[in-house]
Amino acid sequence: MGGVTAIVFGLILGFTQWVQAYMSIQHTAKTKAKNTDIEKKEIDPTSMEAALDPELMQKMMLYMLPVMLAVSAFFFPLGVGLYWFIGTLFVIAQQWYVNNKK
């Protein structure tokens, strides 16, 4: 365990992961609003598709994943957290490009 450094880095990692998830959800919401004319297909309530609600999964990704990564970064070596952080920064840059692409 890394003490204060690991706690601070875990919080920074969690925040950057939240930013990435938020940007992704915003892009999905804009795309979904543009494609409202696509018809909805009927889903059988007993099927696996009904259990995998995309909006619920996105909300879990927005709130649960950053917390899990922040806690994990505290227990793993700092290099693992740094790897996740750098990867998340690249994904944020890529998501920003996709969101602003005309």
PDB file of N, CA and C in Angstrom:
ATOM      1  N   MET A   1       0.841  -1.180   0.000  1.00  0.00           N
ATOM      2  CA  MET A   1       0.000   0.000   0.000  1.00  0.00           C
ATOM      3  C   MET A   1       0.886   1.243   0.000  1.00  0.00           C
ATOM      4  N   GLY A   2       0.461   2.257  -0.748  1.00  0.00           N
ATOM      5  CA  GLY A   2       1.309   3.401  -0.977  1.00  0.00           C
ATOM      6  C   GLY A   2       1.026   4.624  -0.142  1.00  0.00           C
ATOM      7  N   GLY A   3       0.091   4.566   0.792  1.00  0.00           N
ATOM      8  CA  GLY A   3      -0.182   5.711   1.650  1.00  0.00           C
ATOM      9  C   GLY A   3      -0.889   6.834   0.926  1.00  0.00           C
ATOM     10  N   VAL A   4      -0.490   8.051   1.266  1.00  0.00           N
ATOM     11  CA  VAL A   4      -1.155   9.247   0.746  1.00  0.00           C
ATOM     12  C   VAL A   4      -0.995   9.358  -0.766  1.00  0.00           C
ATOM     13  N   THR A   5       0.177   9.017  -1.281  1.00  0.00           N
ATOM     14  CA  THR A   5       0.411   9.092  -2.725  1.00  0.00           C
ATOM     15  C   THR A   5      -0.555   8.189  -3.478  1.00  0.00           C
ATOM     16  N   ALA A   6      -0.760   6.977  -2.987  1.00  0.00           N
ATOM     17  CA  ALA A   6      -1.665   6.048  -3.650  1.00  0.00           C
ATOM     18  C   ALA A   6      -3.111   6.526  -3.582  1.00  0.00           C
ATOM     19  N   ILE A   7      -3.485   7.140  -2.465  1.00  0.00           N
ATOM     20  CA  ILE A   7      -4.852   7.657  -2.332  1.00  0.00           C
ATOM     21  C   ILE A   7      -5.085   8.795  -3.321  1.00  0.00           C
ATOM     22  N   VAL A   8      -4.159   9.731  -3.376  1.00  0.00           N
ATOM     23  CA  VAL A   8      -4.293  10.876  -4.291  1.00  0.00           C
ATOM     24  C   VAL A   8      -4.297  10.394  -5.737  1.00  0.00           C
ATOM     25  N   PHE A   9      -3.380   9.492  -6.079  1.00  0.00           N
ATOM     26  CA  PHE A   9      -3.327   8.992  -7.448  1.00  0.00           C
ATOM     27  C   PHE A   9      -4.584   8.200  -7.790  1.00  0.00           C
ATOM     28  N   GLY A  10      -5.097   7.427  -6.825  1.00  0.00           N
ATOM     29  CA  GLY A  10      -6.341   6.694  -7.051  1.00  0.00           C
ATOM     30  C   GLY A  10      -7.508   7.622  -7.331  1.00  0.00           C
ATOM     31  N   LEU A  11      -7.573   8.738  -6.602  1.00  0.00           N
ATOM     32  CA  LEU A  11      -8.643   9.716  -6.837  1.00  0.00           C
ATOM     33  C   LEU A  11      -8.506  10.373  -8.211  1.00  0.00           C
ATOM     34  N   ILE A  12      -7.271  10.697  -8.593  1.00  0.00           N
ATOM     35  CA  ILE A  12      -7.042  11.282  -9.921  1.00  0.00           C
ATOM     36  C   ILE A  12      -7.423  10.279 -11.006  1.00  0.00           C
ATOM     37  N   LEU A  13      -7.039   9.034 -10.830  1.00  0.00           N
ATOM     38  CA  LEU A  13      -7.385   7.987 -11.791  1.00  0.00           C
ATOM     39  C   LEU A  13      -8.891   7.815 -11.888  1.00  0.00           C
ATOM     40  N   GLY A  14      -9.566   7.786 -10.749  1.00  0.00           N
ATOM     41  CA  GLY A  14     -11.021   7.660 -10.748  1.00  0.00           C
ATOM     42  C   GLY A  14     -11.691   8.821 -11.461  1.00  0.00           C
ATOM     43  N   PHE A  15     -11.180  10.032 -11.234  1.00  0.00           N
ATOM     44  CA  PHE A  15     -11.756  11.208 -11.893  1.00  0.00           C
ATOM     45  C   PHE A  15     -11.568  11.153 -13.398  1.00  0.00           C
ATOM     46  N   THR A  16     -10.363  10.801 -13.860  1.00  0.00           N
ATOM     47  CA  THR A  16     -10.141  10.740 -15.308  1.00  0.00           C
ATOM     48  C   THR A  16     -10.985   9.645 -15.943  1.00  0.00           C
ATOM     49  N   GLN A  17     -11.184   8.537 -15.240  1.00  0.00           N
ATOM     50  CA  GLN A  17     -12.042   7.478 -15.762  1.00  0.00           C
ATOM     51  C   GLN A  17     -13.487   7.947 -15.839  1.00  0.00           C
ATOM     52  N   TRP A  18     -13.927   8.736 -14.858  1.00  0.00           N
ATOM     53  CA  TRP A  18     -15.279   9.279 -14.877  1.00  0.00           C
ATOM     54  C   TRP A  18     -15.451  10.242 -16.055  1.00  0.00           C
ATOM     55  N   VAL A  19     -14.444  11.090 -16.299  1.00  0.00           N
ATOM     56  CA  VAL A  19     -14.504  12.032 -17.428  1.00  0.00           C
ATOM     57  C   VAL A  19     -14.645  11.265 -18.737  1.00  0.00           C
ATOM     58  N   GLN A  20     -13.872  10.206 -18.900  1.00  0.00           N
ATOM     59  CA  GLN A  20     -13.929   9.408 -20.126  1.00  0.00           C
ATOM     60  C   GLN A  20     -15.311   8.782 -20.290  1.00  0.00           C
ATOM     61  N   ALA A  21     -15.861   8.216 -19.234  1.00  0.00           N
ATOM     62  CA  ALA A  21     -17.186   7.594 -19.316  1.00  0.00           C
ATOM     63  C   ALA A  21     -18.262   8.637 -19.597  1.00  0.00           C
ATOM     64  N   TYR A  22     -18.149   9.809 -18.976  1.00  0.00           N
ATOM     65  CA  TYR A  22     -19.118  10.875 -19.190  1.00  0.00           C
ATOM     66  C   TYR A  22     -19.099  11.347 -20.643  1.00  0.00           C
ATOM     67  N   MET A  23     -17.911  11.512 -21.199  1.00  0.00           N
ATOM     68  CA  MET A  23     -17.797  11.930 -22.595  1.00  0.00           C
ATOM     69  C   MET A  23     -18.409  10.893 -23.524  1.00  0.00           C
ATOM     70  N   SER A  24     -18.201   9.635 -23.223  1.00  0.00           N
ATOM     71  CA  SER A  24     -18.747   8.557 -24.041  1.00  0.00           C
ATOM     72  C   SER A  24     -20.274   8.541 -23.988  1.00  0.00           C
ATOM     73  N   ILE A  25     -20.817   8.733 -22.809  1.00  0.00           N
ATOM     74  CA  ILE A  25     -22.275   8.737 -22.651  1.00  0.00           C
ATOM     75  C   ILE A  25     -22.885   9.942 -23.355  1.00  0.00           C
ATOM     76  N   GLN A  26     -22.227  11.096 -23.285  1.00  0.00           N
ATOM     77  CA  GLN A  26     -22.734  12.281 -23.973  1.00  0.00           C
ATOM     78  C   GLN A  26     -22.781  12.067 -25.480  1.00  0.00           C
ATOM     79  N   HIS A  27     -21.744  11.436 -26.021  1.00  0.00           N
ATOM     80  CA  HIS A  27     -21.717  11.160 -27.450  1.00  0.00           C
ATOM     81  C   HIS A  27     -22.824  10.171 -27.822  1.00  0.00           C
ATOM     82  N   THR A  28     -23.031   9.166 -26.999  1.00  0.00           N
ATOM     83  CA  THR A  28     -24.077   8.181 -27.264  1.00  0.00           C
ATOM     84  C   THR A  28     -25.449   8.837 -27.219  1.00  0.00           C
ATOM     85  N   ALA A  29     -25.669   9.739 -26.277  1.00  0.00           N
ATOM     86  CA  ALA A  29     -26.957  10.420 -26.170  1.00  0.00           C
ATOM     87  C   ALA A  29     -27.225  11.293 -27.391  1.00  0.00           C
ATOM     88  N   LYS A  30     -26.194  11.985 -27.884  1.00  0.00           N
ATOM     89  CA  LYS A  30     -26.367  12.813 -29.091  1.00  0.00           C
ATOM     90  C   LYS A  30     -26.674  11.953 -30.305  1.00  0.00           C
ATOM     91  N   THR A  31     -25.969  10.834 -30.430  1.00  0.00           N
ATOM     92  CA  THR A  31     -26.193   9.932 -31.554  1.00  0.00           C
ATOM     93  C   THR A  31     -27.583   9.328 -31.487  1.00  0.00           C
ATOM     94  N   LYS A  32     -28.008   8.970 -30.288  1.00  0.00           N
ATOM     95  CA  LYS A  32     -29.326   8.373 -30.116  1.00  0.00           C
ATOM     96  C   LYS A  32     -30.424   9.372 -30.451  1.00  0.00           C
ATOM     97  N   ALA A  33     -30.223  10.640 -30.097  1.00  0.00           N
ATOM     98  CA  ALA A  33     -31.212  11.670 -30.399  1.00  0.00           C
ATOM     99  C   ALA A  33     -31.344  11.882 -31.910  1.00  0.00           C
ATOM    100  N   LYS A  34     -30.241  11.732 -32.642  1.00  0.00           N
ATOM    101  CA  LYS A  34     -30.284  11.894 -34.095  1.00  0.00           C
ATOM    102  C   LYS A  34     -30.979  10.722 -34.775  1.00  0.00           C
ATOM    103  N   ASN A  35     -30.919   9.572 -34.173  1.00  0.00           N
ATOM    104  CA  ASN A  35     -31.457   8.359 -34.791  1.00  0.00           C
ATOM    105  C   ASN A  35     -32.788   7.938 -34.179  1.00  0.00           C
ATOM    106  N   THR A  36     -33.660   8.901 -33.863  1.00  0.00           N
ATOM    107  CA  THR A  36     -34.935   8.573 -33.243  1.00  0.00           C
ATOM    108  C   THR A  36     -35.910   7.926 -34.218  1.00  0.00           C
ATOM    109  N   ASP A  37     -35.650   8.062 -35.505  1.00  0.00           N
ATOM    110  CA  ASP A  37     -36.563   7.493 -36.479  1.00  0.00           C
ATOM    111  C   ASP A  37     -36.366   5.991 -36.669  1.00  0.00           C
ATOM    112  N   ILE A  38     -35.330   5.430 -36.095  1.00  0.00           N
ATOM    113  CA  ILE A  38     -35.111   3.987 -36.202  1.00  0.00           C
ATOM    114  C   ILE A  38     -36.120   3.282 -35.300  1.00  0.00           C
ATOM    115  N   GLU A  39     -36.783   2.291 -35.841  1.00  0.00           N
ATOM    116  CA  GLU A  39     -37.816   1.615 -35.075  1.00  0.00           C
ATOM    117  C   GLU A  39     -37.211   0.731 -33.994  1.00  0.00           C
ATOM    118  N   LYS A  40     -37.943   0.640 -32.887  1.00  0.00           N
ATOM    119  CA  LYS A  40     -37.488  -0.215 -31.793  1.00  0.00           C
ATOM    120  C   LYS A  40     -37.968  -1.628 -32.049  1.00  0.00           C
ATOM    121  N   LYS A  41     -37.088  -2.577 -31.793  1.00  0.00           N
ATOM    122  CA  LYS A  41     -37.492  -3.962 -31.964  1.00  0.00           C
ATOM    123  C   LYS A  41     -38.051  -4.482 -30.656  1.00  0.00           C
ATOM    124  N   GLU A  42     -38.949  -5.420 -30.774  1.00  0.00           N
ATOM    125  CA  GLU A  42     -39.550  -6.022 -29.598  1.00  0.00           C
ATOM    126  C   GLU A  42     -38.549  -6.966 -28.945  1.00  0.00           C
ATOM    127  N   ILE A  43     -38.424  -6.862 -27.617  1.00  0.00           N
ATOM    128  CA  ILE A  43     -37.506  -7.716 -26.875  1.00  0.00           C
ATOM    129  C   ILE A  43     -38.322  -8.627 -25.977  1.00  0.00           C
ATOM    130  N   ASP A  44     -38.040  -9.901 -26.069  1.00  0.00           N
ATOM    131  CA  ASP A  44     -38.688 -10.882 -25.215  1.00  0.00           C
ATOM    132  C   ASP A  44     -38.177 -10.685 -23.786  1.00  0.00           C
ATOM    133  N   PRO A  45     -39.069 -10.511 -22.796  1.00  0.00           N
ATOM    134  CA  PRO A  45     -38.609 -10.250 -21.430  1.00  0.00           C
ATOM    135  C   PRO A  45     -37.780 -11.385 -20.827  1.00  0.00           C
ATOM    136  N   THR A  46     -37.897 -12.577 -21.359  1.00  0.00           N
ATOM    137  CA  THR A  46     -37.127 -13.704 -20.821  1.00  0.00           C
ATOM    138  C   THR A  46     -35.763 -13.837 -21.472  1.00  0.00           C
ATOM    139  N   SER A  47     -35.505 -13.037 -22.496  1.00  0.00           N
ATOM    140  CA  SER A  47     -34.230 -13.153 -23.200  1.00  0.00           C
ATOM    141  C   SER A  47     -33.110 -12.455 -22.432  1.00  0.00           C
ATOM    142  N   MET A  48     -31.899 -12.764 -22.824  1.00  0.00           N
ATOM    143  CA  MET A  48     -30.728 -12.154 -22.189  1.00  0.00           C
ATOM    144  C   MET A  48     -30.625 -10.681 -22.548  1.00  0.00           C
ATOM    145  N   GLU A  49     -31.144 -10.272 -23.705  1.00  0.00           N
ATOM    146  CA  GLU A  49     -31.071  -8.872 -24.119  1.00  0.00           C
ATOM    147  C   GLU A  49     -31.823  -7.964 -23.161  1.00  0.00           C
ATOM    148  N   ALA A  50     -32.930  -8.473 -22.585  1.00  0.00           N
ATOM    149  CA  ALA A  50     -33.707  -7.661 -21.653  1.00  0.00           C
ATOM    150  C   ALA A  50     -32.911  -7.384 -20.383  1.00  0.00           C
ATOM    151  N   ALA A  51     -32.082  -8.324 -19.964  1.00  0.00           N
ATOM    152  CA  ALA A  51     -31.289  -8.139 -18.744  1.00  0.00           C
ATOM    153  C   ALA A  51     -30.126  -7.179 -18.967  1.00  0.00           C
ATOM    154  N   LEU A  52     -29.656  -7.045 -20.195  1.00  0.00           N
ATOM    155  CA  LEU A  52     -28.510  -6.189 -20.499  1.00  0.00           C
ATOM    156  C   LEU A  52     -28.987  -4.847 -21.048  1.00  0.00           C
ATOM    157  N   ASP A  53     -29.574  -4.050 -20.193  1.00  0.00           N
ATOM    158  CA  ASP A  53     -30.065  -2.737 -20.589  1.00  0.00           C
ATOM    159  C   ASP A  53     -28.871  -1.808 -20.815  1.00  0.00           C
ATOM    160  N   PRO A  54     -28.707  -1.270 -22.028  1.00  0.00           N
ATOM    161  CA  PRO A  54     -27.536  -0.433 -22.318  1.00  0.00           C
ATOM    162  C   PRO A  54     -27.449   0.820 -21.447  1.00  0.00           C
ATOM    163  N   GLU A  55     -28.584   1.448 -21.151  1.00  0.00           N
ATOM    164  CA  GLU A  55     -28.546   2.661 -20.338  1.00  0.00           C
ATOM    165  C   GLU A  55     -28.116   2.360 -18.905  1.00  0.00           C
ATOM    166  N   LEU A  56     -28.560   1.231 -18.367  1.00  0.00           N
ATOM    167  CA  LEU A  56     -28.147   0.830 -17.026  1.00  0.00           C
ATOM    168  C   LEU A  56     -26.651   0.512 -17.001  1.00  0.00           C
ATOM    169  N   MET A  57     -26.180  -0.153 -18.034  1.00  0.00           N
ATOM    170  CA  MET A  57     -24.758  -0.485 -18.101  1.00  0.00           C
ATOM    171  C   MET A  57     -23.903   0.785 -18.215  1.00  0.00           C
ATOM    172  N   GLN A  58     -24.382   1.780 -18.961  1.00  0.00           N
ATOM    173  CA  GLN A  58     -23.642   3.035 -19.077  1.00  0.00           C
ATOM    174  C   GLN A  58     -23.583   3.771 -17.744  1.00  0.00           C
ATOM    175  N   LYS A  59     -24.688   3.761 -16.997  1.00  0.00           N
ATOM    176  CA  LYS A  59     -24.683   4.423 -15.697  1.00  0.00           C
ATOM    177  C   LYS A  59     -23.753   3.705 -14.729  1.00  0.00           C
ATOM    178  N   MET A  60     -23.720   2.390 -14.802  1.00  0.00           N
ATOM    179  CA  MET A  60     -22.800   1.646 -13.948  1.00  0.00           C
ATOM    180  C   MET A  60     -21.357   1.967 -14.330  1.00  0.00           C
ATOM    181  N   MET A  61     -21.099   2.075 -15.641  1.00  0.00           N
ATOM    182  CA  MET A  61     -19.758   2.413 -16.097  1.00  0.00           C
ATOM    183  C   MET A  61     -19.378   3.821 -15.643  1.00  0.00           C
ATOM    184  N   LEU A  62     -20.343   4.718 -15.599  1.00  0.00           N
ATOM    185  CA  LEU A  62     -20.072   6.098 -15.209  1.00  0.00           C
ATOM    186  C   LEU A  62     -19.729   6.214 -13.733  1.00  0.00           C
ATOM    187  N   TYR A  63     -20.381   5.440 -12.879  1.00  0.00           N
ATOM    188  CA  TYR A  63     -20.194   5.598 -11.443  1.00  0.00           C
ATOM    189  C   TYR A  63     -19.387   4.480 -10.788  1.00  0.00           C
ATOM    190  N   MET A  64     -19.604   3.242 -11.175  1.00  0.00           N
ATOM    191  CA  MET A  64     -18.972   2.118 -10.484  1.00  0.00           C
ATOM    192  C   MET A  64     -17.529   1.895 -10.935  1.00  0.00           C
ATOM    193  N   LEU A  65     -17.270   1.955 -12.235  1.00  0.00           N
ATOM    194  CA  LEU A  65     -15.929   1.669 -12.742  1.00  0.00           C
ATOM    195  C   LEU A  65     -14.873   2.637 -12.203  1.00  0.00           C
ATOM    196  N   PRO A  66     -15.117   3.951 -12.175  1.00  0.00           N
ATOM    197  CA  PRO A  66     -14.100   4.841 -11.606  1.00  0.00           C
ATOM    198  C   PRO A  66     -13.802   4.535 -10.132  1.00  0.00           C
ATOM    199  N   VAL A  67     -14.832   4.192  -9.382  1.00  0.00           N
ATOM    200  CA  VAL A  67     -14.622   3.859  -7.968  1.00  0.00           C
ATOM    201  C   VAL A  67     -13.803   2.580  -7.844  1.00  0.00           C
ATOM    202  N   MET A  68     -14.138   1.573  -8.649  1.00  0.00           N
ATOM    203  CA  MET A  68     -13.390   0.313  -8.593  1.00  0.00           C
ATOM    204  C   MET A  68     -11.925   0.520  -8.978  1.00  0.00           C
ATOM    205  N   LEU A  69     -11.669   1.314 -10.010  1.00  0.00           N
ATOM    206  CA  LEU A  69     -10.290   1.566 -10.413  1.00  0.00           C
ATOM    207  C   LEU A  69      -9.533   2.382  -9.367  1.00  0.00           C
ATOM    208  N   ALA A  70     -10.203   3.343  -8.748  1.00  0.00           N
ATOM    209  CA  ALA A  70      -9.551   4.147  -7.715  1.00  0.00           C
ATOM    210  C   ALA A  70      -9.153   3.275  -6.528  1.00  0.00           C
ATOM    211  N   VAL A  71     -10.032   2.380  -6.114  1.00  0.00           N
ATOM    212  CA  VAL A  71      -9.725   1.483  -5.000  1.00  0.00           C
ATOM    213  C   VAL A  71      -8.640   0.492  -5.410  1.00  0.00           C
ATOM    214  N   SER A  72      -8.727  -0.035  -6.621  1.00  0.00           N
ATOM    215  CA  SER A  72      -7.719  -0.986  -7.096  1.00  0.00           C
ATOM    216  C   SER A  72      -6.345  -0.336  -7.196  1.00  0.00           C
ATOM    217  N   ALA A  73      -6.307   0.927  -7.603  1.00  0.00           N
ATOM    218  CA  ALA A  73      -5.030   1.625  -7.732  1.00  0.00           C
ATOM    219  C   ALA A  73      -4.338   1.752  -6.379  1.00  0.00           C
ATOM    220  N   PHE A  74      -5.108   1.772  -5.311  1.00  0.00           N
ATOM    221  CA  PHE A  74      -4.517   1.848  -3.975  1.00  0.00           C
ATOM    222  C   PHE A  74      -3.788   0.553  -3.612  1.00  0.00           C
ATOM    223  N   PHE A  75      -4.315  -0.579  -4.035  1.00  0.00           N
ATOM    224  CA  PHE A  75      -3.742  -1.868  -3.657  1.00  0.00           C
ATOM    225  C   PHE A  75      -2.696  -2.390  -4.643  1.00  0.00           C
ATOM    226  N   PHE A  76      -2.782  -1.980  -5.907  1.00  0.00           N
ATOM    227  CA  PHE A  76      -1.801  -2.420  -6.897  1.00  0.00           C
ATOM    228  C   PHE A  76      -0.575  -1.517  -6.853  1.00  0.00           C
ATOM    229  N   PRO A  77       0.527  -1.966  -7.443  1.00  0.00           N
ATOM    230  CA  PRO A  77       1.700  -1.083  -7.543  1.00  0.00           C
ATOM    231  C   PRO A  77       1.364   0.161  -8.364  1.00  0.00           C
ATOM    232  N   LEU A  78       2.089   1.228  -8.100  1.00  0.00           N
ATOM    233  CA  LEU A  78       1.825   2.508  -8.748  1.00  0.00           C
ATOM    234  C   LEU A  78       1.924   2.419 -10.272  1.00  0.00           C
ATOM    235  N   GLY A  79       2.777   1.541 -10.781  1.00  0.00           N
ATOM    236  CA  GLY A  79       2.931   1.388 -12.226  1.00  0.00           C
ATOM    237  C   GLY A  79       1.657   0.928 -12.915  1.00  0.00           C
ATOM    238  N   VAL A  80       0.875   0.084 -12.249  1.00  0.00           N
ATOM    239  CA  VAL A  80      -0.391  -0.380 -12.828  1.00  0.00           C
ATOM    240  C   VAL A  80      -1.371   0.786 -12.923  1.00  0.00           C
ATOM    241  N   GLY A  81      -1.451   1.569 -11.861  1.00  0.00           N
ATOM    242  CA  GLY A  81      -2.318   2.751 -11.887  1.00  0.00           C
ATOM    243  C   GLY A  81      -1.879   3.761 -12.925  1.00  0.00           C
ATOM    244  N   LEU A  82      -0.569   3.919 -13.070  1.00  0.00           N
ATOM    245  CA  LEU A  82      -0.039   4.829 -14.085  1.00  0.00           C
ATOM    246  C   LEU A  82      -0.390   4.341 -15.489  1.00  0.00           C
ATOM    247  N   TYR A  83      -0.329   3.039 -15.699  1.00  0.00           N
ATOM    248  CA  TYR A  83      -0.710   2.440 -16.985  1.00  0.00           C
ATOM    249  C   TYR A  83      -2.174   2.734 -17.287  1.00  0.00           C
ATOM    250  N   TRP A  84      -3.048   2.538 -16.307  1.00  0.00           N
ATOM    251  CA  TRP A  84      -4.473   2.827 -16.496  1.00  0.00           C
ATOM    252  C   TRP A  84      -4.693   4.312 -16.756  1.00  0.00           C
ATOM    253  N   PHE A  85      -3.961   5.162 -16.047  1.00  0.00           N
ATOM    254  CA  PHE A  85      -4.120   6.606 -16.188  1.00  0.00           C
ATOM    255  C   PHE A  85      -3.718   7.080 -17.580  1.00  0.00           C
ATOM    256  N   ILE A  86      -2.552   6.640 -18.058  1.00  0.00           N
ATOM    257  CA  ILE A  86      -2.090   7.037 -19.391  1.00  0.00           C
ATOM    258  C   ILE A  86      -3.046   6.510 -20.462  1.00  0.00           C
ATOM    259  N   GLY A  87      -3.489   5.283 -20.314  1.00  0.00           N
ATOM    260  CA  GLY A  87      -4.454   4.716 -21.261  1.00  0.00           C
ATOM    261  C   GLY A  87      -5.748   5.509 -21.276  1.00  0.00           C
ATOM    262  N   THR A  88      -6.212   5.919 -20.107  1.00  0.00           N
ATOM    263  CA  THR A  88      -7.439   6.710 -20.019  1.00  0.00           C
ATOM    264  C   THR A  88      -7.256   8.075 -20.669  1.00  0.00           C
ATOM    265  N   LEU A  89      -6.076   8.681 -20.519  1.00  0.00           N
ATOM    266  CA  LEU A  89      -5.828   9.970 -21.179  1.00  0.00           C
ATOM    267  C   LEU A  89      -5.895   9.836 -22.698  1.00  0.00           C
ATOM    268  N   PHE A  90      -5.349   8.742 -23.234  1.00  0.00           N
ATOM    269  CA  PHE A  90      -5.441   8.521 -24.674  1.00  0.00           C
ATOM    270  C   PHE A  90      -6.894   8.313 -25.111  1.00  0.00           C
ATOM    271  N   VAL A  91      -7.662   7.586 -24.313  1.00  0.00           N
ATOM    272  CA  VAL A  91      -9.071   7.355 -24.649  1.00  0.00           C
ATOM    273  C   VAL A  91      -9.855   8.660 -24.570  1.00  0.00           C
ATOM    274  N   ILE A  92      -9.544   9.519 -23.603  1.00  0.00           N
ATOM    275  CA  ILE A  92     -10.207  10.827 -23.506  1.00  0.00           C
ATOM    276  C   ILE A  92      -9.906  11.662 -24.751  1.00  0.00           C
ATOM    277  N   ALA A  93      -8.652  11.658 -25.188  1.00  0.00           N
ATOM    278  CA  ALA A  93      -8.293  12.400 -26.405  1.00  0.00           C
ATOM    279  C   ALA A  93      -9.026  11.841 -27.621  1.00  0.00           C
ATOM    280  N   GLN A  94      -9.094  10.528 -27.718  1.00  0.00           N
ATOM    281  CA  GLN A  94      -9.793   9.903 -28.837  1.00  0.00           C
ATOM    282  C   GLN A  94     -11.285  10.215 -28.785  1.00  0.00           C
ATOM    283  N   GLN A  95     -11.883  10.148 -27.600  1.00  0.00           N
ATOM    284  CA  GLN A  95     -13.310  10.442 -27.463  1.00  0.00           C
ATOM    285  C   GLN A  95     -13.599  11.897 -27.767  1.00  0.00           C
ATOM    286  N   TRP A  96     -12.717  12.803 -27.376  1.00  0.00           N
ATOM    287  CA  TRP A  96     -12.897  14.208 -27.694  1.00  0.00           C
ATOM    288  C   TRP A  96     -12.888  14.408 -29.211  1.00  0.00           C
ATOM    289  N   TYR A  97     -11.959  13.725 -29.891  1.00  0.00           N
ATOM    290  CA  TYR A  97     -11.881  13.828 -31.350  1.00  0.00           C
ATOM    291  C   TYR A  97     -13.167  13.324 -31.995  1.00  0.00           C
ATOM    292  N   VAL A  98     -13.655  12.192 -31.531  1.00  0.00           N
ATOM    293  CA  VAL A  98     -14.881  11.610 -32.098  1.00  0.00           C
ATOM    294  C   VAL A  98     -16.069  12.509 -31.826  1.00  0.00           C
ATOM    295  N   ASN A  99     -16.163  13.051 -30.612  1.00  0.00           N
ATOM    296  CA  ASN A  99     -17.295  13.907 -30.261  1.00  0.00           C
ATOM    297  C   ASN A  99     -17.308  15.200 -31.075  1.00  0.00           C
ATOM    298  N   ASN A 100     -16.143  15.727 -31.413  1.00  0.00           N
ATOM    299  CA  ASN A 100     -16.065  17.004 -32.132  1.00  0.00           C
ATOM    300  C   ASN A 100     -15.890  16.855 -33.626  1.00  0.00           C
ATOM    301  N   LYS A 101     -15.858  15.635 -34.121  1.00  0.00           N
ATOM    302  CA  LYS A 101     -15.714  15.404 -35.545  1.00  0.00           C
ATOM    303  C   LYS A 101     -17.007  15.780 -36.251  1.00  0.00           C
ATOM    304  N   LYS A 102     -16.901  16.523 -37.310  1.00  0.00           N
ATOM    305  CA  LYS A 102     -18.101  16.978 -38.044  1.00  0.00           C
ATOM    306  C   LYS A 102     -18.517  15.941 -39.057  1.00  0.00           C
TER     307      LYS A 102
END
